[in-house]
């Protein structure tokens, strides 16, 4: 199963409508539980910062992965990786 991602131009929040989940500032555990089956792993830096990676998303029709950065278990960063298959460079 792939999941749609929508980004709000109003507040920058990320909506995962297939999971009824909106990503914004929040607790790490909520995201870990909701996205568990899409997890690629978590890296804990030991200084209060950790990064969790997930795959199996679709952004504007292209395969996408996301990485969520947490500081003291609060979401502070969202990184997207999109596979640009069959694109001319």
C-alpha atoms as a PDB file:
ATOM      1  CA  UNK A   1       0.000   0.000   0.000  1.00  0.00           C
ATOM      2  CA  UNK A   2       1.252   3.468  -0.841  1.00  0.00           C
ATOM      3  CA  UNK A   3       0.082   6.581   0.967  1.00  0.00           C
ATOM      4  CA  UNK A   4      -0.795  10.006  -0.385  1.00  0.00           C
ATOM      5  CA  UNK A   5       0.958  13.064   1.044  1.00  0.00           C
ATOM      6  CA  UNK A   6      -0.545  16.558   0.959  1.00  0.00           C
ATOM      7  CA  UNK A   7       1.242  19.711   2.139  1.00  0.00           C
ATOM      8  CA  UNK A   8      -0.830  22.642   3.374  1.00  0.00           C
ATOM      9  CA  UNK A   9       0.286  25.963   1.851  1.00  0.00           C
ATOM     10  CA  UNK A  10      -1.433  27.710   4.786  1.00  0.00           C
ATOM     11  CA  UNK A  11       0.569  26.312   7.702  1.00  0.00           C
ATOM     12  CA  UNK A  12       3.088  23.873   6.196  1.00  0.00           C
ATOM     13  CA  UNK A  13       1.511  20.878   7.901  1.00  0.00           C
ATOM     14  CA  UNK A  14       1.772  17.524   6.160  1.00  0.00           C
ATOM     15  CA  UNK A  15      -1.452  15.546   5.789  1.00  0.00           C
ATOM     16  CA  UNK A  16      -1.514  11.758   5.292  1.00  0.00           C
ATOM     17  CA  UNK A  17      -5.208  11.408   4.388  1.00  0.00           C
ATOM     18  CA  UNK A  18      -5.072   7.619   4.014  1.00  0.00           C
ATOM     19  CA  UNK A  19      -4.096   7.376   7.701  1.00  0.00           C
ATOM     20  CA  UNK A  20      -6.174  10.344   8.901  1.00  0.00           C
ATOM     21  CA  UNK A  21      -2.929  11.859  10.247  1.00  0.00           C
ATOM     22  CA  UNK A  22      -1.602  15.415  10.099  1.00  0.00           C
ATOM     23  CA  UNK A  23       2.124  15.884  10.780  1.00  0.00           C
ATOM     24  CA  UNK A  24       2.973  19.004  12.673  1.00  0.00           C
ATOM     25  CA  UNK A  25       4.726  19.663  15.955  1.00  0.00           C
ATOM     26  CA  UNK A  26       3.907  16.729  18.206  1.00  0.00           C
ATOM     27  CA  UNK A  27       5.181  13.740  20.095  1.00  0.00           C
ATOM     28  CA  UNK A  28       7.484  11.172  18.534  1.00  0.00           C
ATOM     29  CA  UNK A  29       5.524   8.196  19.901  1.00  0.00           C
ATOM     30  CA  UNK A  30       2.346   9.171  18.022  1.00  0.00           C
ATOM     31  CA  UNK A  31       4.185   9.046  14.697  1.00  0.00           C
ATOM     32  CA  UNK A  32       6.079   5.855  15.557  1.00  0.00           C
ATOM     33  CA  UNK A  33       2.874   3.973  16.368  1.00  0.00           C
ATOM     34  CA  UNK A  34       0.838   5.276  13.427  1.00  0.00           C
ATOM     35  CA  UNK A  35       3.581   4.757  10.808  1.00  0.00           C
ATOM     36  CA  UNK A  36       5.131   1.548  12.254  1.00  0.00           C
ATOM     37  CA  UNK A  37       4.531  -0.632   9.189  1.00  0.00           C
ATOM     38  CA  UNK A  38       6.256   1.956   6.943  1.00  0.00           C
ATOM     39  CA  UNK A  39       9.336   2.308   9.165  1.00  0.00           C
ATOM     40  CA  UNK A  40      12.845   1.908   7.756  1.00  0.00           C
ATOM     41  CA  UNK A  41      14.455   2.618  11.128  1.00  0.00           C
ATOM     42  CA  UNK A  42      15.339   5.219  13.711  1.00  0.00           C
ATOM     43  CA  UNK A  43      18.700   6.746  14.529  1.00  0.00           C
ATOM     44  CA  UNK A  44      19.066   8.144  18.057  1.00  0.00           C
ATOM     45  CA  UNK A  45      21.970  10.593  18.218  1.00  0.00           C
ATOM     46  CA  UNK A  46      22.141  10.432  22.023  1.00  0.00           C
ATOM     47  CA  UNK A  47      21.830  14.209  22.429  1.00  0.00           C
ATOM     48  CA  UNK A  48      18.039  14.519  22.426  1.00  0.00           C
ATOM     49  CA  UNK A  49      17.840  14.422  18.608  1.00  0.00           C
ATOM     50  CA  UNK A  50      16.608  11.392  16.685  1.00  0.00           C
ATOM     51  CA  UNK A  51      15.620  10.765  13.088  1.00  0.00           C
ATOM     52  CA  UNK A  52      13.028   8.218  11.943  1.00  0.00           C
ATOM     53  CA  UNK A  53      12.768   7.147   8.287  1.00  0.00           C
ATOM     54  CA  UNK A  54       9.686   5.805   6.514  1.00  0.00           C
ATOM     55  CA  UNK A  55       8.954   4.552   2.990  1.00  0.00           C
ATOM     56  CA  UNK A  56       5.910   3.635   0.904  1.00  0.00           C
ATOM     57  CA  UNK A  57       4.466   7.072   0.189  1.00  0.00           C
ATOM     58  CA  UNK A  58       3.302   8.804  -2.996  1.00  0.00           C
ATOM     59  CA  UNK A  59       3.884  12.549  -3.491  1.00  0.00           C
ATOM     60  CA  UNK A  60       2.382  14.062  -6.647  1.00  0.00           C
ATOM     61  CA  UNK A  61       2.297  10.588  -8.230  1.00  0.00           C
ATOM     62  CA  UNK A  62       5.948   9.730  -7.475  1.00  0.00           C
ATOM     63  CA  UNK A  63       7.400   7.257  -4.976  1.00  0.00           C
ATOM     64  CA  UNK A  64       8.507   9.070  -1.841  1.00  0.00           C
ATOM     65  CA  UNK A  65      10.151   8.439   1.513  1.00  0.00           C
ATOM     66  CA  UNK A  66      10.111  10.734   4.512  1.00  0.00           C
ATOM     67  CA  UNK A  67      12.433  11.261   7.448  1.00  0.00           C
ATOM     68  CA  UNK A  68      11.152  12.902  10.598  1.00  0.00           C
ATOM     69  CA  UNK A  69      13.567  14.737  12.903  1.00  0.00           C
ATOM     70  CA  UNK A  70      12.710  14.969  16.604  1.00  0.00           C
ATOM     71  CA  UNK A  71      14.326  17.065  19.323  1.00  0.00           C
ATOM     72  CA  UNK A  72      13.329  15.970  22.837  1.00  0.00           C
ATOM     73  CA  UNK A  73      10.576  13.845  21.163  1.00  0.00           C
ATOM     74  CA  UNK A  74       9.018  16.903  19.455  1.00  0.00           C
ATOM     75  CA  UNK A  75       8.800  16.910  15.639  1.00  0.00           C
ATOM     76  CA  UNK A  76      11.123  19.643  14.354  1.00  0.00           C
ATOM     77  CA  UNK A  77      11.999  18.573  10.771  1.00  0.00           C
ATOM     78  CA  UNK A  78      10.459  16.706   7.858  1.00  0.00           C
ATOM     79  CA  UNK A  79      12.658  15.618   4.940  1.00  0.00           C
ATOM     80  CA  UNK A  80      11.276  14.173   1.698  1.00  0.00           C
ATOM     81  CA  UNK A  81      13.057  11.913  -0.766  1.00  0.00           C
ATOM     82  CA  UNK A  82      11.300  11.525  -4.124  1.00  0.00           C
ATOM     83  CA  UNK A  83      12.304   9.001  -6.798  1.00  0.00           C
ATOM     84  CA  UNK A  84      12.382  10.848 -10.127  1.00  0.00           C
ATOM     85  CA  UNK A  85      12.098   7.819 -12.363  1.00  0.00           C
ATOM     86  CA  UNK A  86      12.226   8.302 -16.132  1.00  0.00           C
ATOM     87  CA  UNK A  87      12.992  12.007 -15.790  1.00  0.00           C
ATOM     88  CA  UNK A  88      15.391  13.721 -18.206  1.00  0.00           C
ATOM     89  CA  UNK A  89      18.080  15.738 -16.448  1.00  0.00           C
END
